[in-house]
């Protein structure tokens, strides 16, 4: 349980940095900062989800998409949340493995919606860990 709480704390800290960048006035440097912060925030969140599924449900996931699908199957995400998280995986991969200005711009404009999903997920994880 302590390990899960540690993962949650790291994810919350990463998310705060993303929020900080999203609140800054737009510039290409701020956009790129937001994209980087989104990437590492997403990474720590899916790893938190992976650990949660392992500890609480005995499920082992080898990829973010597998974790998201398992979270949906087990009622942790509704259909809309699962779809948003799957889009986040695709966007995270596009940011990490290639750079195209138009794609970066499009993803940047989706980040507020992604931030809402992350915030909701972290709040849910906090509640689950407090109840346990």
N, C-alpha and C. Protein backbone atom coordinates (compact mmCIF):
# COMPACT_ATOMS: atom_id res chain seq x y z
N UNK A 1 0.83 -1.20 0.00
CA UNK A 1 0.00 0.00 0.00
C UNK A 1 0.87 1.26 0.00
N UNK A 2 1.95 1.20 0.76
CA UNK A 2 2.84 2.37 0.81
C UNK A 2 3.44 2.67 -0.56
N UNK A 3 3.73 1.61 -1.30
CA UNK A 3 4.28 1.81 -2.65
C UNK A 3 3.26 2.50 -3.55
N UNK A 4 2.00 2.12 -3.42
CA UNK A 4 0.95 2.79 -4.20
C UNK A 4 0.83 4.25 -3.81
N UNK A 5 0.91 4.54 -2.53
CA UNK A 5 0.84 5.94 -2.08
C UNK A 5 2.03 6.74 -2.60
N UNK A 6 3.18 6.11 -2.68
CA UNK A 6 4.36 6.77 -3.24
C UNK A 6 4.14 7.08 -4.73
N UNK A 7 3.62 6.09 -5.46
CA UNK A 7 3.31 6.30 -6.88
C UNK A 7 2.30 7.43 -7.05
N UNK A 8 1.29 7.47 -6.20
CA UNK A 8 0.28 8.53 -6.26
C UNK A 8 0.92 9.89 -6.00
N UNK A 9 1.76 9.99 -5.02
CA UNK A 9 2.43 11.25 -4.70
C UNK A 9 3.27 11.75 -5.88
N UNK A 10 3.98 10.85 -6.52
CA UNK A 10 4.79 11.23 -7.69
C UNK A 10 3.89 11.70 -8.82
N UNK A 11 2.79 11.00 -9.03
CA UNK A 11 1.86 11.40 -10.10
C UNK A 11 1.24 12.76 -9.81
N UNK A 12 0.88 13.00 -8.56
CA UNK A 12 0.31 14.30 -8.20
C UNK A 12 1.33 15.42 -8.42
N UNK A 13 2.57 15.17 -8.07
CA UNK A 13 3.61 16.17 -8.27
C UNK A 13 3.82 16.45 -9.76
N UNK A 14 3.86 15.41 -10.57
CA UNK A 14 4.00 15.59 -12.01
C UNK A 14 2.83 16.38 -12.56
N UNK A 15 1.62 16.05 -12.10
CA UNK A 15 0.43 16.74 -12.58
C UNK A 15 0.47 18.23 -12.23
N UNK A 16 0.95 18.57 -11.05
CA UNK A 16 1.06 19.98 -10.68
C UNK A 16 1.96 20.74 -11.65
N UNK A 17 3.02 20.10 -12.12
CA UNK A 17 3.90 20.79 -13.08
C UNK A 17 3.19 21.01 -14.41
N UNK A 18 2.37 20.03 -14.81
CA UNK A 18 1.60 20.18 -16.04
C UNK A 18 0.60 21.33 -15.90
N UNK A 19 -0.10 21.37 -14.78
CA UNK A 19 -1.06 22.45 -14.55
C UNK A 19 -0.37 23.81 -14.58
N UNK A 20 0.80 23.88 -13.99
CA UNK A 20 1.56 25.12 -13.97
C UNK A 20 1.85 25.60 -15.39
N UNK A 21 2.29 24.70 -16.25
CA UNK A 21 2.58 25.07 -17.63
C UNK A 21 1.32 25.45 -18.40
N UNK A 22 0.24 24.71 -18.15
CA UNK A 22 -1.01 25.02 -18.86
C UNK A 22 -1.56 26.39 -18.48
N UNK A 23 -1.22 26.87 -17.30
CA UNK A 23 -1.70 28.18 -16.86
C UNK A 23 -0.83 29.34 -17.34
N UNK A 24 0.29 29.03 -17.97
CA UNK A 24 1.19 30.08 -18.46
C UNK A 24 0.69 30.62 -19.80
N UNK A 25 0.96 31.88 -20.09
CA UNK A 25 0.58 32.44 -21.39
C UNK A 25 1.23 31.65 -22.53
N UNK A 26 0.51 31.50 -23.61
CA UNK A 26 0.99 30.69 -24.73
C UNK A 26 2.23 31.28 -25.38
N UNK A 27 3.15 30.40 -25.68
CA UNK A 27 4.29 30.66 -26.56
C UNK A 27 4.75 29.28 -27.02
N UNK A 28 5.54 29.20 -28.08
CA UNK A 28 6.03 27.89 -28.50
C UNK A 28 6.82 27.17 -27.38
N UNK A 29 7.55 27.92 -26.57
CA UNK A 29 8.30 27.31 -25.48
C UNK A 29 7.34 26.76 -24.42
N UNK A 30 6.30 27.50 -24.10
CA UNK A 30 5.30 27.02 -23.13
C UNK A 30 4.59 25.79 -23.69
N UNK A 31 4.25 25.83 -24.97
CA UNK A 31 3.60 24.67 -25.60
C UNK A 31 4.47 23.43 -25.44
N UNK A 32 5.75 23.57 -25.77
CA UNK A 32 6.65 22.43 -25.69
C UNK A 32 6.85 21.97 -24.25
N UNK A 33 6.86 22.91 -23.32
CA UNK A 33 6.93 22.55 -21.90
C UNK A 33 5.70 21.74 -21.50
N UNK A 34 4.54 22.18 -21.94
CA UNK A 34 3.30 21.46 -21.64
C UNK A 34 3.34 20.05 -22.21
N UNK A 35 3.84 19.91 -23.43
CA UNK A 35 3.89 18.59 -24.06
C UNK A 35 4.84 17.66 -23.31
N UNK A 36 5.98 18.18 -22.90
CA UNK A 36 6.92 17.36 -22.13
C UNK A 36 6.30 16.97 -20.79
N UNK A 37 5.71 17.93 -20.12
CA UNK A 37 5.11 17.65 -18.82
C UNK A 37 3.92 16.70 -18.95
N UNK A 38 3.17 16.81 -20.02
CA UNK A 38 2.10 15.86 -20.27
C UNK A 38 2.67 14.46 -20.43
N UNK A 39 3.77 14.34 -21.17
CA UNK A 39 4.38 13.03 -21.41
C UNK A 39 4.77 12.35 -20.11
N UNK A 40 5.49 13.05 -19.25
CA UNK A 40 5.90 12.37 -18.02
C UNK A 40 4.76 12.22 -17.04
N UNK A 41 3.79 13.12 -17.07
CA UNK A 41 2.62 12.95 -16.20
C UNK A 41 1.83 11.72 -16.63
N UNK A 42 1.63 11.57 -17.93
CA UNK A 42 0.93 10.40 -18.43
C UNK A 42 1.67 9.13 -18.02
N UNK A 43 2.99 9.13 -18.19
CA UNK A 43 3.78 7.94 -17.88
C UNK A 43 3.64 7.52 -16.42
N UNK A 44 3.74 8.46 -15.51
CA UNK A 44 3.63 8.09 -14.10
C UNK A 44 2.19 7.69 -13.75
N UNK A 45 1.21 8.27 -14.43
CA UNK A 45 -0.19 7.90 -14.16
C UNK A 45 -0.50 6.48 -14.63
N UNK A 46 -0.05 6.11 -15.82
CA UNK A 46 -0.37 4.75 -16.26
C UNK A 46 0.38 3.74 -15.42
N UNK A 47 1.56 4.09 -14.94
CA UNK A 47 2.30 3.18 -14.06
C UNK A 47 1.60 3.05 -12.70
N UNK A 48 1.00 4.15 -12.22
CA UNK A 48 0.19 4.09 -11.01
C UNK A 48 -1.02 3.18 -11.23
N UNK A 49 -1.69 3.36 -12.34
CA UNK A 49 -2.83 2.50 -12.68
C UNK A 49 -2.39 1.03 -12.75
N UNK A 50 -1.27 0.78 -13.38
CA UNK A 50 -0.73 -0.57 -13.51
C UNK A 50 -0.50 -1.19 -12.13
N UNK A 51 0.12 -0.44 -11.24
CA UNK A 51 0.39 -0.93 -9.89
C UNK A 51 -0.91 -1.15 -9.12
N UNK A 52 -1.87 -0.24 -9.28
CA UNK A 52 -3.17 -0.38 -8.61
C UNK A 52 -3.87 -1.66 -9.07
N UNK A 53 -3.90 -1.89 -10.38
CA UNK A 53 -4.55 -3.09 -10.92
C UNK A 53 -3.87 -4.35 -10.41
N UNK A 54 -2.56 -4.32 -10.30
CA UNK A 54 -1.81 -5.46 -9.80
C UNK A 54 -2.14 -5.73 -8.33
N UNK A 55 -2.05 -4.69 -7.50
CA UNK A 55 -2.23 -4.85 -6.05
C UNK A 55 -3.68 -5.20 -5.70
N UNK A 56 -4.63 -4.50 -6.31
CA UNK A 56 -6.02 -4.66 -5.91
C UNK A 56 -6.80 -5.73 -6.68
N UNK A 57 -6.37 -6.00 -7.92
CA UNK A 57 -7.14 -6.95 -8.72
C UNK A 57 -6.30 -8.12 -9.23
N UNK A 58 -5.01 -8.08 -8.95
CA UNK A 58 -4.14 -9.16 -9.41
C UNK A 58 -3.93 -9.19 -10.90
N UNK A 59 -4.12 -8.05 -11.55
CA UNK A 59 -3.98 -7.97 -13.01
C UNK A 59 -2.61 -7.42 -13.37
N UNK A 60 -1.96 -8.06 -14.31
CA UNK A 60 -0.66 -7.61 -14.79
C UNK A 60 -0.86 -7.04 -16.19
N UNK A 61 -0.44 -5.81 -16.38
CA UNK A 61 -0.56 -5.13 -17.67
C UNK A 61 0.84 -4.84 -18.19
N UNK A 62 1.03 -5.05 -19.48
CA UNK A 62 2.34 -4.80 -20.07
C UNK A 62 2.39 -3.53 -20.90
N UNK A 63 1.28 -2.84 -20.99
CA UNK A 63 1.27 -1.61 -21.78
C UNK A 63 0.18 -0.67 -21.24
N UNK A 64 0.30 0.61 -21.57
CA UNK A 64 -0.74 1.55 -21.12
C UNK A 64 -2.13 1.18 -21.64
N UNK A 65 -2.22 0.79 -22.90
CA UNK A 65 -3.54 0.48 -23.47
C UNK A 65 -4.16 -0.73 -22.77
N UNK A 66 -3.35 -1.71 -22.43
CA UNK A 66 -3.87 -2.87 -21.71
C UNK A 66 -4.41 -2.44 -20.35
N UNK A 67 -3.67 -1.60 -19.65
CA UNK A 67 -4.12 -1.10 -18.34
C UNK A 67 -5.44 -0.34 -18.46
N UNK A 68 -5.54 0.50 -19.46
CA UNK A 68 -6.75 1.30 -19.64
C UNK A 68 -7.94 0.38 -19.94
N UNK A 69 -7.74 -0.60 -20.79
CA UNK A 69 -8.83 -1.54 -21.09
C UNK A 69 -9.25 -2.32 -19.85
N UNK A 70 -8.27 -2.74 -19.05
CA UNK A 70 -8.58 -3.46 -17.81
C UNK A 70 -9.30 -2.55 -16.81
N UNK A 71 -8.88 -1.29 -16.75
CA UNK A 71 -9.55 -0.34 -15.86
C UNK A 71 -11.01 -0.16 -16.28
N UNK A 72 -11.26 -0.12 -17.58
CA UNK A 72 -12.63 -0.01 -18.09
C UNK A 72 -13.43 -1.28 -17.75
N UNK A 73 -12.85 -2.44 -18.02
CA UNK A 73 -13.54 -3.71 -17.74
C UNK A 73 -13.89 -3.86 -16.27
N UNK A 74 -13.07 -3.27 -15.42
CA UNK A 74 -13.26 -3.43 -13.97
C UNK A 74 -13.91 -2.21 -13.32
N UNK A 75 -14.48 -1.32 -14.12
CA UNK A 75 -15.27 -0.22 -13.60
C UNK A 75 -14.50 0.97 -13.05
N UNK A 76 -13.19 1.01 -13.29
CA UNK A 76 -12.42 2.17 -12.83
C UNK A 76 -12.56 3.36 -13.78
N UNK A 77 -12.79 3.07 -15.06
CA UNK A 77 -13.04 4.11 -16.07
C UNK A 77 -14.38 3.81 -16.72
N UNK A 78 -15.14 4.86 -17.02
CA UNK A 78 -16.32 4.66 -17.86
C UNK A 78 -15.86 4.69 -19.32
N UNK A 79 -16.78 4.49 -20.24
CA UNK A 79 -16.41 4.41 -21.66
C UNK A 79 -15.75 5.69 -22.15
N UNK A 80 -16.30 6.84 -21.79
CA UNK A 80 -15.74 8.12 -22.23
C UNK A 80 -14.34 8.32 -21.66
N UNK A 81 -14.15 7.98 -20.40
CA UNK A 81 -12.83 8.12 -19.79
C UNK A 81 -11.82 7.21 -20.47
N UNK A 82 -12.21 5.97 -20.72
CA UNK A 82 -11.31 5.03 -21.38
C UNK A 82 -10.92 5.53 -22.77
N UNK A 83 -11.89 6.04 -23.50
CA UNK A 83 -11.58 6.57 -24.84
C UNK A 83 -10.62 7.75 -24.77
N UNK A 84 -10.81 8.63 -23.79
CA UNK A 84 -9.92 9.78 -23.63
C UNK A 84 -8.50 9.32 -23.28
N UNK A 85 -8.42 8.33 -22.36
CA UNK A 85 -7.10 7.82 -21.98
C UNK A 85 -6.42 7.11 -23.14
N UNK A 86 -7.16 6.40 -23.97
CA UNK A 86 -6.57 5.76 -25.15
C UNK A 86 -6.05 6.81 -26.13
N UNK A 87 -6.77 7.90 -26.28
CA UNK A 87 -6.28 9.01 -27.12
C UNK A 87 -5.01 9.61 -26.51
N UNK A 88 -4.97 9.70 -25.20
CA UNK A 88 -3.78 10.20 -24.52
C UNK A 88 -2.57 9.32 -24.83
N UNK A 89 -2.76 8.01 -24.87
CA UNK A 89 -1.66 7.10 -25.21
C UNK A 89 -1.13 7.43 -26.60
N UNK A 90 -2.05 7.56 -27.55
CA UNK A 90 -1.63 7.85 -28.92
C UNK A 90 -0.90 9.19 -29.00
N UNK A 91 -1.45 10.19 -28.33
CA UNK A 91 -0.80 11.51 -28.36
C UNK A 91 0.55 11.49 -27.67
N UNK A 92 0.63 10.79 -26.55
CA UNK A 92 1.90 10.67 -25.85
C UNK A 92 2.95 10.04 -26.75
N UNK A 93 2.55 8.99 -27.49
CA UNK A 93 3.49 8.32 -28.38
C UNK A 93 3.92 9.21 -29.54
N UNK A 94 2.99 9.99 -30.05
CA UNK A 94 3.36 10.91 -31.14
C UNK A 94 4.36 11.96 -30.66
N UNK A 95 4.17 12.44 -29.46
CA UNK A 95 5.09 13.43 -28.90
C UNK A 95 6.46 12.80 -28.67
N UNK A 96 6.47 11.61 -28.13
CA UNK A 96 7.74 10.98 -27.72
C UNK A 96 8.57 10.49 -28.90
N UNK A 97 7.93 10.09 -29.98
CA UNK A 97 8.67 9.42 -31.05
C UNK A 97 8.79 10.20 -32.34
N UNK A 98 8.16 11.33 -32.44
CA UNK A 98 8.33 12.17 -33.64
C UNK A 98 7.92 13.58 -33.28
N UNK A 99 8.36 14.52 -34.06
CA UNK A 99 7.96 15.90 -33.81
C UNK A 99 7.53 16.53 -35.11
N UNK A 100 6.26 16.86 -35.16
CA UNK A 100 5.69 17.59 -36.28
C UNK A 100 4.95 18.77 -35.67
N UNK A 101 5.29 19.96 -36.09
CA UNK A 101 4.74 21.18 -35.50
C UNK A 101 3.21 21.17 -35.44
N UNK A 102 2.56 20.79 -36.52
CA UNK A 102 1.10 20.81 -36.55
C UNK A 102 0.51 19.81 -35.55
N UNK A 103 1.15 18.67 -35.41
CA UNK A 103 0.68 17.67 -34.46
C UNK A 103 0.89 18.17 -33.04
N UNK A 104 2.05 18.76 -32.78
CA UNK A 104 2.32 19.32 -31.45
C UNK A 104 1.27 20.37 -31.09
N UNK A 105 0.92 21.19 -32.02
CA UNK A 105 -0.08 22.24 -31.78
C UNK A 105 -1.44 21.62 -31.49
N UNK A 106 -1.82 20.62 -32.26
CA UNK A 106 -3.12 19.97 -32.06
C UNK A 106 -3.18 19.29 -30.69
N UNK A 107 -2.12 18.60 -30.32
CA UNK A 107 -2.09 17.92 -29.02
C UNK A 107 -2.13 18.95 -27.90
N UNK A 108 -1.39 20.02 -28.06
CA UNK A 108 -1.38 21.08 -27.03
C UNK A 108 -2.81 21.54 -26.73
N UNK A 109 -3.62 21.69 -27.77
CA UNK A 109 -4.99 22.17 -27.58
C UNK A 109 -5.90 21.12 -26.92
N UNK A 110 -5.48 19.86 -26.94
CA UNK A 110 -6.24 18.81 -26.25
C UNK A 110 -5.82 18.66 -24.78
N UNK A 111 -4.71 19.26 -24.41
CA UNK A 111 -4.19 19.08 -23.06
C UNK A 111 -5.13 19.50 -21.93
N UNK A 112 -5.90 20.58 -22.06
CA UNK A 112 -6.83 20.88 -20.96
C UNK A 112 -7.83 19.75 -20.70
N UNK A 113 -8.30 19.12 -21.75
CA UNK A 113 -9.21 17.98 -21.59
C UNK A 113 -8.48 16.81 -20.94
N UNK A 114 -7.26 16.59 -21.34
CA UNK A 114 -6.46 15.52 -20.74
C UNK A 114 -6.20 15.81 -19.26
N UNK A 115 -5.94 17.08 -18.96
CA UNK A 115 -5.68 17.46 -17.56
C UNK A 115 -6.90 17.17 -16.70
N UNK A 116 -8.09 17.39 -17.23
CA UNK A 116 -9.31 17.06 -16.49
C UNK A 116 -9.36 15.56 -16.19
N UNK A 117 -9.00 14.75 -17.18
CA UNK A 117 -9.02 13.29 -17.01
C UNK A 117 -8.00 12.87 -15.96
N UNK A 118 -6.82 13.45 -16.01
CA UNK A 118 -5.78 13.12 -15.04
C UNK A 118 -6.21 13.54 -13.64
N UNK A 119 -6.77 14.72 -13.52
CA UNK A 119 -7.22 15.21 -12.21
C UNK A 119 -8.27 14.27 -11.63
N UNK A 120 -9.22 13.87 -12.43
CA UNK A 120 -10.27 12.95 -11.98
C UNK A 120 -9.66 11.61 -11.56
N UNK A 121 -8.74 11.09 -12.37
CA UNK A 121 -8.08 9.82 -12.07
C UNK A 121 -7.32 9.90 -10.75
N UNK A 122 -6.56 10.97 -10.55
CA UNK A 122 -5.78 11.10 -9.32
C UNK A 122 -6.68 11.23 -8.10
N UNK A 123 -7.78 11.94 -8.24
CA UNK A 123 -8.74 12.04 -7.14
C UNK A 123 -9.34 10.67 -6.81
N UNK A 124 -9.68 9.91 -7.85
CA UNK A 124 -10.22 8.56 -7.64
C UNK A 124 -9.20 7.66 -6.97
N UNK A 125 -7.96 7.73 -7.41
CA UNK A 125 -6.90 6.91 -6.81
C UNK A 125 -6.71 7.27 -5.34
N UNK A 126 -6.76 8.55 -5.07
CA UNK A 126 -6.62 9.02 -3.67
C UNK A 126 -7.74 8.43 -2.81
N UNK A 127 -8.97 8.48 -3.31
CA UNK A 127 -10.10 7.92 -2.58
C UNK A 127 -9.95 6.41 -2.36
N UNK A 128 -9.54 5.70 -3.41
CA UNK A 128 -9.35 4.25 -3.29
C UNK A 128 -8.29 3.91 -2.24
N UNK A 129 -7.22 4.68 -2.21
CA UNK A 129 -6.14 4.38 -1.28
C UNK A 129 -6.51 4.79 0.16
N UNK A 130 -7.35 5.80 0.30
CA UNK A 130 -7.78 6.20 1.64
C UNK A 130 -8.76 5.17 2.21
N UNK A 131 -9.56 4.56 1.35
CA UNK A 131 -10.55 3.56 1.78
C UNK A 131 -9.90 2.24 2.13
N UNK A 132 -8.75 1.97 1.53
CA UNK A 132 -8.10 0.66 1.73
C UNK A 132 -7.46 0.53 3.09
